[in-house]
Amino acid sequence: MSHSINKQRFISIGIIFAVIILTTIFSLTYPVKNFDPGFISLYFNRDIQHNKTKLPRICCLILTTPKYFLTRAKAVNETWAPRCDRYFFITEYDRKTMTPEQIKFAEQIPIPPIKNITAGYHHLTQKSNLAFLFAYENYLNDFEWFIKADDDTYLIVEHLKTFLSKQNSSEPITFGYTYQIHIPMGYHSGGASYVLSRESLRRFYEAYNDPASNCTKDGSSEDIEIAKCLRTKGVYPGKALDKENRELFHPLPFSHHFMGFFPNWLVQRAENPLQSHYNCCSTQTISFHYITPEEQYLMDFLLYRARV
């Protein structure tokens, strides 16, 4: 899976620039009735009118590890993370195994004092469990929504807040990119990020501490195991589509969705029909996955600094 992503990585930045430039030129030179200017607004000078609606408070839980502190975590910390109402990097922290540069960076970012995090990709279930337990025990009443993301996720926080402002955090519901396999009602892609309502977080805590729920504490696939645990207490996945049935959360980079570069595993798992080109992504898109540090900065520039 990662090999396929890396194989096409060299064209990602070029595609992003080409799509934006050509789309802009086309819209200015050949205005057509069906052209959607909102698509460009996803990248340039987006007009998100937050004043009309009271926005929910969001806590972002970002999974990372010391070896990515100076690359992935640094890029996330300098781009989208500060737009969360509060955010934390969920990571193991052992100064004995870290370089002076990693230690210096770690002292500058919000890392919660979570003990006993085991390093390694195969322990992401444990890391996510501990992240949600920390959020419940310290911030349950401070935020309406709690989103789990990875250090190679790109999150458009304003779009997330706008979407969640229309949802009820008192319901046992989650949102993300949904796969239709493995468990009842499917599960959300971990890399595309997924968000728990306050009530969902409360029920997660209840399930985690209930032997009858048999929640997996470590190992296996993080996104599947968290979903299994939530299902035991009646938490269900909500629909994250816009009015045109375009996805809000995305498990691949933007260029892959736009050009239709869909690996077989995604074709087999996707709950909704895969779409490309202008229908690949909502103009209120929330997230993309497998985003390199360089692409984090590029997307952030196009979204927040570039002007047409």
C-alpha atoms as a PDB file:
ATOM      1  CA  MET A   1       0.000   0.000   0.000  1.00  0.00           C
ATOM      2  CA  SER A   2       2.703   2.498   0.988  1.00  0.00           C
ATOM      3  CA  HIS A   3       4.763   1.424  -2.056  1.00  0.00           C
ATOM      4  CA  SER A   4       1.879   2.392  -4.338  1.00  0.00           C
ATOM      5  CA  ILE A   5       1.575   5.766  -2.629  1.00  0.00           C
ATOM      6  CA  ASN A   6       5.313   6.445  -2.894  1.00  0.00           C
ATOM      7  CA  LYS A   7       5.435   5.312  -6.518  1.00  0.00           C
ATOM      8  CA  GLN A   8       3.092   8.109  -7.536  1.00  0.00           C
ATOM      9  CA  ARG A   9       4.362  10.702  -5.039  1.00  0.00           C
ATOM     10  CA  PHE A  10       6.645  12.427  -7.552  1.00  0.00           C
ATOM     11  CA  ILE A  11       3.664  13.735  -9.536  1.00  0.00           C
ATOM     12  CA  SER A  12       1.518  14.828  -6.586  1.00  0.00           C
ATOM     13  CA  ILE A  13       2.809  18.371  -6.212  1.00  0.00           C
ATOM     14  CA  GLY A  14       2.833  18.906  -9.960  1.00  0.00           C
ATOM     15  CA  ILE A  15      -0.753  17.723 -10.267  1.00  0.00           C
ATOM     16  CA  ILE A  16      -1.906  19.987  -7.463  1.00  0.00           C
ATOM     17  CA  PHE A  17      -0.338  23.025  -9.092  1.00  0.00           C
ATOM     18  CA  ALA A  18      -1.492  22.051 -12.577  1.00  0.00           C
ATOM     19  CA  VAL A  19      -5.083  21.440 -11.533  1.00  0.00           C
ATOM     20  CA  ILE A  20      -5.305  24.734  -9.704  1.00  0.00           C
ATOM     21  CA  ILE A  21      -3.627  26.807 -12.413  1.00  0.00           C
ATOM     22  CA  LEU A  22      -5.523  25.230 -15.318  1.00  0.00           C
ATOM     23  CA  THR A  23      -8.828  25.369 -13.473  1.00  0.00           C
ATOM     24  CA  THR A  24      -8.314  29.027 -12.673  1.00  0.00           C
ATOM     25  CA  ILE A  25      -7.355  29.918 -16.255  1.00  0.00           C
ATOM     26  CA  PHE A  26     -10.257  27.931 -17.668  1.00  0.00           C
ATOM     27  CA  SER A  27     -12.795  29.533 -15.360  1.00  0.00           C
ATOM     28  CA  LEU A  28     -11.593  33.035 -16.173  1.00  0.00           C
ATOM     29  CA  THR A  29     -11.300  32.498 -19.914  1.00  0.00           C
ATOM     30  CA  TYR A  30     -14.258  30.202 -20.562  1.00  0.00           C
ATOM     31  CA  PRO A  31     -16.923  30.780 -17.909  1.00  0.00           C
ATOM     32  CA  VAL A  32     -19.575  28.100 -18.108  1.00  0.00           C
ATOM     33  CA  LYS A  33     -22.890  27.581 -16.382  1.00  0.00           C
ATOM     34  CA  ASN A  34     -21.948  24.382 -14.612  1.00  0.00           C
ATOM     35  CA  PHE A  35     -18.512  25.490 -13.445  1.00  0.00           C
ATOM     36  CA  ASP A  36     -18.245  25.329  -9.669  1.00  0.00           C
ATOM     37  CA  PRO A  37     -16.143  28.233  -8.341  1.00  0.00           C
ATOM     38  CA  GLY A  38     -16.366  26.630  -4.933  1.00  0.00           C
ATOM     39  CA  PHE A  39     -13.825  24.072  -6.109  1.00  0.00           C
ATOM     40  CA  ILE A  40     -11.185  26.771  -6.486  1.00  0.00           C
ATOM     41  CA  SER A  41     -12.173  28.238  -3.136  1.00  0.00           C
ATOM     42  CA  LEU A  42     -10.996  24.981  -1.608  1.00  0.00           C
ATOM     43  CA  TYR A  43      -7.479  26.167  -2.467  1.00  0.00           C
ATOM     44  CA  PHE A  44      -7.592  29.931  -2.863  1.00  0.00           C
ATOM     45  CA  ASN A  45      -9.019  32.534  -0.533  1.00  0.00           C
ATOM     46  CA  ARG A  46     -11.792  30.347   0.859  1.00  0.00           C
ATOM     47  CA  ASP A  47     -14.791  32.311   2.099  1.00  0.00           C
ATOM     48  CA  ILE A  48     -15.784  30.406   5.221  1.00  0.00           C
ATOM     49  CA  GLN A  49     -18.349  32.474   7.057  1.00  0.00           C
ATOM     50  CA  HIS A  50     -17.999  31.349  10.639  1.00  0.00           C
ATOM     51  CA  ASN A  51     -19.812  34.279  12.220  1.00  0.00           C
ATOM     52  CA  LYS A  52     -23.257  33.034  11.184  1.00  0.00           C
ATOM     53  CA  THR A  53     -23.123  29.912  13.317  1.00  0.00           C
ATOM     54  CA  LYS A  54     -21.702  29.191  16.724  1.00  0.00           C
ATOM     55  CA  LEU A  55     -18.880  26.763  16.118  1.00  0.00           C
ATOM     56  CA  PRO A  56     -18.195  23.746  18.330  1.00  0.00           C
ATOM     57  CA  ARG A  57     -14.977  23.364  20.275  1.00  0.00           C
ATOM     58  CA  ILE A  58     -12.662  20.656  18.994  1.00  0.00           C
ATOM     59  CA  CYS A  59      -9.778  18.804  20.607  1.00  0.00           C
ATOM     60  CA  CYS A  60      -7.273  17.294  18.149  1.00  0.00           C
ATOM     61  CA  LEU A  61      -5.339  14.173  19.158  1.00  0.00           C
ATOM     62  CA  ILE A  62      -2.433  13.675  16.745  1.00  0.00           C
ATOM     63  CA  LEU A  63      -0.532  10.391  16.807  1.00  0.00           C
ATOM     64  CA  THR A  64       3.196  10.652  16.164  1.00  0.00           C
ATOM     65  CA  THR A  65       6.545   9.225  17.273  1.00  0.00           C
ATOM     66  CA  PRO A  66       9.981  10.756  18.047  1.00  0.00           C
ATOM     67  CA  LYS A  67      11.525   9.699  14.733  1.00  0.00           C
ATOM     68  CA  TYR A  68       9.016  11.986  12.991  1.00  0.00           C
ATOM     69  CA  PHE A  69       9.283  14.928  15.402  1.00  0.00           C
ATOM     70  CA  LEU A  70      11.497  17.032  13.133  1.00  0.00           C
ATOM     71  CA  THR A  71       9.637  16.213   9.916  1.00  0.00           C
ATOM     72  CA  ARG A  72       5.967  15.211  10.085  1.00  0.00           C
ATOM     73  CA  ALA A  73       5.144  16.538  13.555  1.00  0.00           C
ATOM     74  CA  LYS A  74       6.990  19.789  12.889  1.00  0.00           C
ATOM     75  CA  ALA A  75       5.023  20.361   9.679  1.00  0.00           C
ATOM     76  CA  VAL A  76       1.690  19.627  11.363  1.00  0.00           C
ATOM     77  CA  ASN A  77       2.595  21.894  14.276  1.00  0.00           C
ATOM     78  CA  GLU A  78       3.422  24.735  11.883  1.00  0.00           C
ATOM     79  CA  THR A  79       0.337  24.348   9.691  1.00  0.00           C
ATOM     80  CA  TRP A  80      -3.100  23.063  10.697  1.00  0.00           C
ATOM     81  CA  ALA A  81      -2.758  21.873  14.306  1.00  0.00           C
ATOM     82  CA  PRO A  82      -2.889  25.331  15.977  1.00  0.00           C
ATOM     83  CA  ARG A  83      -6.299  25.912  14.366  1.00  0.00           C
ATOM     84  CA  CYS A  84      -7.777  23.296  16.701  1.00  0.00           C
ATOM     85  CA  ASP A  85      -9.167  24.740  19.921  1.00  0.00           C
ATOM     86  CA  ARG A  86      -6.625  22.549  21.636  1.00  0.00           C
ATOM     87  CA  TYR A  87      -4.304  19.881  20.312  1.00  0.00           C
ATOM     88  CA  PHE A  88      -1.945  17.262  21.641  1.00  0.00           C
ATOM     89  CA  PHE A  89       0.745  15.115  20.057  1.00  0.00           C
ATOM     90  CA  ILE A  90       0.250  11.587  21.354  1.00  0.00           C
ATOM     91  CA  THR A  91       3.669   9.952  21.495  1.00  0.00           C
ATOM     92  CA  GLU A  92       6.018   7.834  23.520  1.00  0.00           C
ATOM     93  CA  TYR A  93       8.621   9.997  25.238  1.00  0.00           C
ATOM     94  CA  ASP A  94      11.957   8.555  26.308  1.00  0.00           C
ATOM     95  CA  ARG A  95      14.736  11.137  26.479  1.00  0.00           C
ATOM     96  CA  LYS A  96      17.339   8.372  26.636  1.00  0.00           C
ATOM     97  CA  THR A  97      16.555   7.310  23.072  1.00  0.00           C
ATOM     98  CA  MET A  98      16.038  10.791  21.604  1.00  0.00           C
ATOM     99  CA  THR A  99      18.497  13.187  20.004  1.00  0.00           C
ATOM    100  CA  PRO A 100      19.062  16.667  21.482  1.00  0.00           C
ATOM    101  CA  GLU A 101      17.142  18.134  18.533  1.00  0.00           C
ATOM    102  CA  GLN A 102      14.178  15.850  19.155  1.00  0.00           C
ATOM    103  CA  ILE A 103      14.171  16.704  22.860  1.00  0.00           C
ATOM    104  CA  LYS A 104      14.286  20.435  22.129  1.00  0.00           C
ATOM    105  CA  PHE A 105      11.361  20.147  19.717  1.00  0.00           C
ATOM    106  CA  ALA A 106       9.368  17.995  22.138  1.00  0.00           C
ATOM    107  CA  GLU A 107       9.687  20.700  24.781  1.00  0.00           C
ATOM    108  CA  GLN A 108       8.011  23.166  22.417  1.00  0.00           C
ATOM    109  CA  ILE A 109       4.905  21.159  21.517  1.00  0.00           C
ATOM    110  CA  PRO A 110       1.936  19.973  23.615  1.00  0.00           C
ATOM    111  CA  ILE A 111       2.658  16.379  24.657  1.00  0.00           C
ATOM    112  CA  PRO A 112       0.348  15.030  27.384  1.00  0.00           C
ATOM    113  CA  PRO A 113       1.878  13.092  30.291  1.00  0.00           C
ATOM    114  CA  ILE A 114       0.602   9.698  29.154  1.00  0.00           C
ATOM    115  CA  LYS A 115       2.681   6.849  30.529  1.00  0.00           C
ATOM    116  CA  ASN A 116       3.358   3.382  29.173  1.00  0.00           C
ATOM    117  CA  ILE A 117       2.942   4.124  25.458  1.00  0.00           C
ATOM    118  CA  THR A 118       4.654   1.360  23.517  1.00  0.00           C
ATOM    119  CA  ALA A 119       6.623   2.434  20.451  1.00  0.00           C
ATOM    120  CA  GLY A 120       5.895   0.939  17.051  1.00  0.00           C
ATOM    121  CA  TYR A 121       3.297   0.853  14.297  1.00  0.00           C
ATOM    122  CA  HIS A 122       1.751  -2.334  15.674  1.00  0.00           C
ATOM    123  CA  HIS A 123       0.855  -0.534  18.907  1.00  0.00           C
ATOM    124  CA  LEU A 124      -1.345   2.179  17.402  1.00  0.00           C
ATOM    125  CA  THR A 125      -4.408   0.629  19.023  1.00  0.00           C
ATOM    126  CA  GLN A 126      -2.847   1.151  22.430  1.00  0.00           C
ATOM    127  CA  LYS A 127      -1.797   4.698  21.544  1.00  0.00           C
ATOM    128  CA  SER A 128      -5.294   5.617  20.355  1.00  0.00           C
ATOM    129  CA  ASN A 129      -6.893   4.027  23.419  1.00  0.00           C
ATOM    130  CA  LEU A 130      -4.634   6.018  25.722  1.00  0.00           C
ATOM    131  CA  ALA A 131      -5.295   9.203  23.756  1.00  0.00           C
ATOM    132  CA  PHE A 132      -9.058   8.881  24.158  1.00  0.00           C
ATOM    133  CA  LEU A 133      -8.744   7.930  27.832  1.00  0.00           C
ATOM    134  CA  PHE A 134      -6.615  11.032  28.413  1.00  0.00           C
ATOM    135  CA  ALA A 135      -9.165  13.206  26.627  1.00  0.00           C
ATOM    136  CA  TYR A 136     -12.038  11.750  28.637  1.00  0.00           C
ATOM    137  CA  GLU A 137     -10.326  12.087  32.005  1.00  0.00           C
ATOM    138  CA  ASN A 138      -9.151  15.652  31.437  1.00  0.00           C
ATOM    139  CA  TYR A 139     -11.280  17.399  28.809  1.00  0.00           C
ATOM    140  CA  LEU A 140     -14.654  15.689  28.401  1.00  0.00           C
ATOM    141  CA  ASN A 141     -16.624  18.792  29.375  1.00  0.00           C
ATOM    142  CA  ASP A 142     -14.332  21.289  27.635  1.00  0.00           C
ATOM    143  CA  PHE A 143     -14.960  20.178  24.056  1.00  0.00           C
ATOM    144  CA  GLU A 144     -17.913  18.937  22.032  1.00  0.00           C
ATOM    145  CA  TRP A 145     -15.831  16.872  19.617  1.00  0.00           C
ATOM    146  CA  PHE A 146     -12.566  14.907  19.741  1.00  0.00           C
ATOM    147  CA  ILE A 147     -10.720  14.070  16.534  1.00  0.00           C
ATOM    148  CA  LYS A 148      -7.963  11.522  16.138  1.00  0.00           C
ATOM    149  CA  ALA A 149      -5.483  12.204  13.321  1.00  0.00           C
ATOM    150  CA  ASP A 150      -2.050  11.004  12.238  1.00  0.00           C
ATOM    151  CA  ASP A 151       1.092  13.032  11.646  1.00  0.00           C
ATOM    152  CA  ASP A 152       0.633  12.572   7.885  1.00  0.00           C
ATOM    153  CA  THR A 153      -2.977  13.767   7.920  1.00  0.00           C
ATOM    154  CA  TYR A 154      -3.836  17.226   6.591  1.00  0.00           C
ATOM    155  CA  LEU A 155      -6.882  18.693   8.297  1.00  0.00           C
ATOM    156  CA  ILE A 156      -8.888  21.744   7.227  1.00  0.00           C
ATOM    157  CA  VAL A 157     -10.117  22.650  10.679  1.00  0.00           C
ATOM    158  CA  GLU A 158     -12.537  25.377   9.576  1.00  0.00           C
ATOM    159  CA  HIS A 159     -14.379  22.921   7.342  1.00  0.00           C
ATOM    160  CA  LEU A 160     -14.469  20.376  10.148  1.00  0.00           C
ATOM    161  CA  LYS A 161     -16.004  22.912  12.524  1.00  0.00           C
ATOM    162  CA  THR A 162     -18.547  24.043   9.960  1.00  0.00           C
ATOM    163  CA  PHE A 163     -19.609  20.438   9.348  1.00  0.00           C
ATOM    164  CA  LEU A 164     -19.809  19.617  13.049  1.00  0.00           C
ATOM    165  CA  SER A 165     -21.802  22.769  13.809  1.00  0.00           C
ATOM    166  CA  LYS A 166     -24.704  20.993  12.089  1.00  0.00           C
ATOM    167  CA  GLN A 167     -24.309  17.833  14.187  1.00  0.00           C
ATOM    168  CA  ASN A 168     -25.309  16.964  17.751  1.00  0.00           C
ATOM    169  CA  SER A 169     -22.440  16.125  20.093  1.00  0.00           C
ATOM    170  CA  SER A 170     -24.917  14.581  22.546  1.00  0.00           C
ATOM    171  CA  GLU A 171     -25.555  11.744  20.105  1.00  0.00           C
ATOM    172  CA  PRO A 172     -23.377   8.584  20.138  1.00  0.00           C
ATOM    173  CA  ILE A 173     -21.981   9.247  16.663  1.00  0.00           C
ATOM    174  CA  THR A 174     -18.656   9.398  14.846  1.00  0.00           C
ATOM    175  CA  PHE A 175     -17.614  10.803  11.470  1.00  0.00           C
ATOM    176  CA  GLY A 176     -14.831   9.961   9.026  1.00  0.00           C
ATOM    177  CA  TYR A 177     -14.137   8.079   5.798  1.00  0.00           C
ATOM    178  CA  THR A 178     -16.060   4.826   6.185  1.00  0.00           C
ATOM    179  CA  TYR A 179     -14.988   1.366   5.099  1.00  0.00           C
ATOM    180  CA  GLN A 180     -17.798  -1.164   4.755  1.00  0.00           C
ATOM    181  CA  ILE A 181     -16.001  -4.313   5.877  1.00  0.00           C
ATOM    182  CA  HIS A 182     -14.949  -6.217   9.008  1.00  0.00           C
ATOM    183  CA  ILE A 183     -17.531  -4.967  11.523  1.00  0.00           C
ATOM    184  CA  PRO A 184     -21.243  -4.014  11.617  1.00  0.00           C
ATOM    185  CA  MET A 185     -21.845  -0.584  10.055  1.00  0.00           C
ATOM    186  CA  GLY A 186     -18.197  -0.425   8.995  1.00  0.00           C
ATOM    187  CA  TYR A 187     -15.385   1.652  10.470  1.00  0.00           C
ATOM    188  CA  HIS A 188     -13.545   4.895   9.768  1.00  0.00           C
ATOM    189  CA  SER A 189     -10.121   5.146   8.153  1.00  0.00           C
ATOM    190  CA  GLY A 190      -7.614   6.028  10.860  1.00  0.00           C
ATOM    191  CA  GLY A 191      -5.340   7.975   8.547  1.00  0.00           C
ATOM    192  CA  ALA A 192      -8.112  10.124   7.092  1.00  0.00           C
ATOM    193  CA  SER A 193      -8.901  11.067  10.725  1.00  0.00           C
ATOM    194  CA  TYR A 194     -12.148  10.384  12.533  1.00  0.00           C
ATOM    195  CA  VAL A 195     -14.070  12.399  15.084  1.00  0.00           C
ATOM    196  CA  LEU A 196     -15.959  11.300  18.194  1.00  0.00           C
ATOM    197  CA  SER A 197     -18.790  13.267  19.740  1.00  0.00           C
ATOM    198  CA  ARG A 198     -18.632  13.990  23.454  1.00  0.00           C
ATOM    199  CA  GLU A 199     -21.209  11.249  24.026  1.00  0.00           C
ATOM    200  CA  SER A 200     -19.171   8.815  21.924  1.00  0.00           C
ATOM    201  CA  LEU A 201     -16.087   9.546  24.016  1.00  0.00           C
ATOM    202  CA  ARG A 202     -18.090   8.963  27.192  1.00  0.00           C
ATOM    203  CA  ARG A 203     -19.306   5.619  25.861  1.00  0.00           C
ATOM    204  CA  PHE A 204     -15.794   4.691  24.737  1.00  0.00           C
ATOM    205  CA  TYR A 205     -14.562   5.160  28.289  1.00  0.00           C
ATOM    206  CA  GLU A 206     -17.437   3.050  29.561  1.00  0.00           C
ATOM    207  CA  ALA A 207     -16.753   0.299  27.027  1.00  0.00           C
ATOM    208  CA  TYR A 208     -12.996   0.298  27.585  1.00  0.00           C
ATOM    209  CA  ASN A 209     -13.501  -0.316  31.305  1.00  0.00           C
ATOM    210  CA  ASP A 210     -16.269  -2.883  30.843  1.00  0.00           C
ATOM    211  CA  PRO A 211     -14.893  -6.461  30.648  1.00  0.00           C
ATOM    212  CA  ALA A 212     -18.036  -7.516  28.791  1.00  0.00           C
ATOM    213  CA  SER A 213     -17.159  -5.185  25.909  1.00  0.00           C
ATOM    214  CA  ASN A 214     -13.839  -6.998  25.432  1.00  0.00           C
ATOM    215  CA  CYS A 215     -12.180  -3.947  23.858  1.00  0.00           C
ATOM    216  CA  THR A 216      -8.760  -4.707  22.402  1.00  0.00           C
ATOM    217  CA  LYS A 217      -6.136  -2.884  24.447  1.00  0.00           C
ATOM    218  CA  ASP A 218      -3.253  -3.262  21.990  1.00  0.00           C
ATOM    219  CA  GLY A 219      -2.357  -4.818  18.656  1.00  0.00           C
ATOM    220  CA  SER A 220      -4.404  -5.466  15.523  1.00  0.00           C
ATOM    221  CA  SER A 221      -5.641  -2.529  13.394  1.00  0.00           C
ATOM    222  CA  GLU A 222      -6.281   0.632  15.392  1.00  0.00           C
ATOM    223  CA  ASP A 223      -9.222   1.970  13.411  1.00  0.00           C
ATOM    224  CA  ILE A 224     -11.005  -1.391  13.377  1.00  0.00           C
ATOM    225  CA  GLU A 225     -10.489  -2.051  17.086  1.00  0.00           C
ATOM    226  CA  ILE A 226     -11.643   1.403  18.189  1.00  0.00           C
ATOM    227  CA  ALA A 227     -14.789   0.962  16.095  1.00  0.00           C
ATOM    228  CA  LYS A 228     -15.441  -2.498  17.562  1.00  0.00           C
ATOM    229  CA  CYS A 229     -15.138  -1.087  21.047  1.00  0.00           C
ATOM    230  CA  LEU A 230     -17.530   1.767  20.283  1.00  0.00           C
ATOM    231  CA  ARG A 231     -20.129  -0.562  18.733  1.00  0.00           C
ATOM    232  CA  THR A 232     -20.497  -2.443  22.020  1.00  0.00           C
ATOM    233  CA  LYS A 233     -22.050   0.695  23.517  1.00  0.00           C
ATOM    234  CA  GLY A 234     -24.218   1.681  20.584  1.00  0.00           C
ATOM    235  CA  VAL A 235     -21.954   4.259  18.944  1.00  0.00           C
ATOM    236  CA  TYR A 236     -22.580   4.400  15.199  1.00  0.00           C
ATOM    237  CA  PRO A 237     -20.825   6.009  12.193  1.00  0.00           C
ATOM    238  CA  GLY A 238     -22.541   9.008  10.628  1.00  0.00           C
ATOM    239  CA  LYS A 239     -22.532  10.049   6.972  1.00  0.00           C
ATOM    240  CA  ALA A 240     -19.777  12.467   5.993  1.00  0.00           C
ATOM    241  CA  LEU A 241     -20.925  13.525   2.520  1.00  0.00           C
ATOM    242  CA  ASP A 242     -21.962  16.903   1.142  1.00  0.00           C
ATOM    243  CA  LYS A 243     -25.229  17.621  -0.686  1.00  0.00           C
ATOM    244  CA  GLU A 244     -23.708  16.329  -3.939  1.00  0.00           C
ATOM    245  CA  ASN A 245     -22.626  13.075  -2.237  1.00  0.00           C
ATOM    246  CA  ARG A 246     -18.959  14.043  -2.362  1.00  0.00           C
ATOM    247  CA  GLU A 247     -16.653  12.843   0.393  1.00  0.00           C
ATOM    248  CA  LEU A 248     -15.441  15.119   3.203  1.00  0.00           C
ATOM    249  CA  PHE A 249     -12.728  12.832   4.600  1.00  0.00           C
ATOM    250  CA  HIS A 250     -10.160  11.202   2.291  1.00  0.00           C
ATOM    251  CA  PRO A 251      -7.793   8.259   2.944  1.00  0.00           C
ATOM    252  CA  LEU A 252      -5.378   9.246   0.133  1.00  0.00           C
ATOM    253  CA  PRO A 253      -3.628  12.451  -1.017  1.00  0.00           C
ATOM    254  CA  PHE A 254      -5.675  14.970  -2.997  1.00  0.00           C
ATOM    255  CA  SER A 255      -3.930  14.168  -6.290  1.00  0.00           C
ATOM    256  CA  HIS A 256      -4.830  10.480  -6.020  1.00  0.00           C
ATOM    257  CA  HIS A 257      -8.498  11.211  -5.439  1.00  0.00           C
ATOM    258  CA  PHE A 258      -8.648  13.855  -8.159  1.00  0.00           C
ATOM    259  CA  MET A 259      -6.910  11.727 -10.798  1.00  0.00           C
ATOM    260  CA  GLY A 260      -8.624   8.497  -9.755  1.00  0.00           C
ATOM    261  CA  PHE A 261      -5.490   6.675  -8.582  1.00  0.00           C
ATOM    262  CA  PHE A 262      -7.385   4.194  -6.400  1.00  0.00           C
ATOM    263  CA  PRO A 263      -5.534   1.104  -5.095  1.00  0.00           C
ATOM    264  CA  ASN A 264      -7.410  -2.188  -5.045  1.00  0.00           C
ATOM    265  CA  TRP A 265      -7.697  -2.216  -1.263  1.00  0.00           C
ATOM    266  CA  LEU A 266      -9.644   1.052  -1.363  1.00  0.00           C
ATOM    267  CA  VAL A 267     -11.919  -0.164  -4.167  1.00  0.00           C
ATOM    268  CA  GLN A 268     -12.756  -3.219  -2.074  1.00  0.00           C
ATOM    269  CA  ARG A 269     -13.321  -1.364   1.201  1.00  0.00           C
ATOM    270  CA  ALA A 270     -14.993   1.933   0.288  1.00  0.00           C
ATOM    271  CA  GLU A 271     -18.554   2.280   1.529  1.00  0.00           C
ATOM    272  CA  ASN A 272     -19.491   4.870  -1.099  1.00  0.00           C
ATOM    273  CA  PRO A 273     -18.783   4.825  -4.866  1.00  0.00           C
ATOM    274  CA  LEU A 274     -15.315   6.190  -5.606  1.00  0.00           C
ATOM    275  CA  GLN A 275     -15.315   9.430  -7.581  1.00  0.00           C
ATOM    276  CA  SER A 276     -12.593  11.433  -9.305  1.00  0.00           C
ATOM    277  CA  HIS A 277     -12.024  14.844 -10.876  1.00  0.00           C
ATOM    278  CA  TYR A 278     -14.461  17.523  -9.697  1.00  0.00           C
ATOM    279  CA  ASN A 279     -16.583  15.003  -7.832  1.00  0.00           C
ATOM    280  CA  CYS A 280     -13.658  13.523  -5.915  1.00  0.00           C
ATOM    281  CA  CYS A 281     -13.878  15.906  -3.041  1.00  0.00           C
ATOM    282  CA  SER A 282     -16.372  18.242  -1.468  1.00  0.00           C
ATOM    283  CA  THR A 283     -15.643  21.965  -1.626  1.00  0.00           C
ATOM    284  CA  GLN A 284     -15.952  21.670   2.149  1.00  0.00           C
ATOM    285  CA  THR A 285     -13.387  18.867   2.270  1.00  0.00           C
ATOM    286  CA  ILE A 286     -12.010  18.146   5.730  1.00  0.00           C
ATOM    287  CA  SER A 287      -9.003  15.846   5.395  1.00  0.00           C
ATOM    288  CA  PHE A 288      -6.443  14.020   3.263  1.00  0.00           C
ATOM    289  CA  HIS A 289      -3.992  11.265   4.214  1.00  0.00           C
ATOM    290  CA  TYR A 290      -0.417  10.260   3.284  1.00  0.00           C
ATOM    291  CA  ILE A 291       0.628  13.909   3.134  1.00  0.00           C
ATOM    292  CA  THR A 292       4.388  14.468   3.277  1.00  0.00           C
ATOM    293  CA  PRO A 293       5.815  17.372   5.311  1.00  0.00           C
ATOM    294  CA  GLU A 294       6.538  19.234   2.067  1.00  0.00           C
ATOM    295  CA  GLU A 295       2.945  18.784   0.938  1.00  0.00           C
ATOM    296  CA  GLN A 296       1.674  19.945   4.331  1.00  0.00           C
ATOM    297  CA  TYR A 297       3.344  23.310   3.750  1.00  0.00           C
ATOM    298  CA  LEU A 298       2.265  23.421   0.106  1.00  0.00           C
ATOM    299  CA  MET A 299      -1.383  22.760   0.879  1.00  0.00           C
ATOM    300  CA  ASP A 300      -1.335  25.228   3.728  1.00  0.00           C
ATOM    301  CA  PHE A 301       0.075  27.926   1.448  1.00  0.00           C
ATOM    302  CA  LEU A 302      -2.520  27.296  -1.243  1.00  0.00           C
ATOM    303  CA  LEU A 303      -5.350  27.260   1.283  1.00  0.00           C
ATOM    304  CA  TYR A 304      -4.422  30.192   3.469  1.00  0.00           C
ATOM    305  CA  ARG A 305      -1.960  32.467   1.690  1.00  0.00           C
ATOM    306  CA  ALA A 306      -2.395  32.245  -2.071  1.00  0.00           C
ATOM    307  CA  ARG A 307      -4.769  34.702  -3.720  1.00  0.00           C
ATOM    308  CA  VAL A 308      -6.401  34.852  -7.156  1.00  0.00           C
END
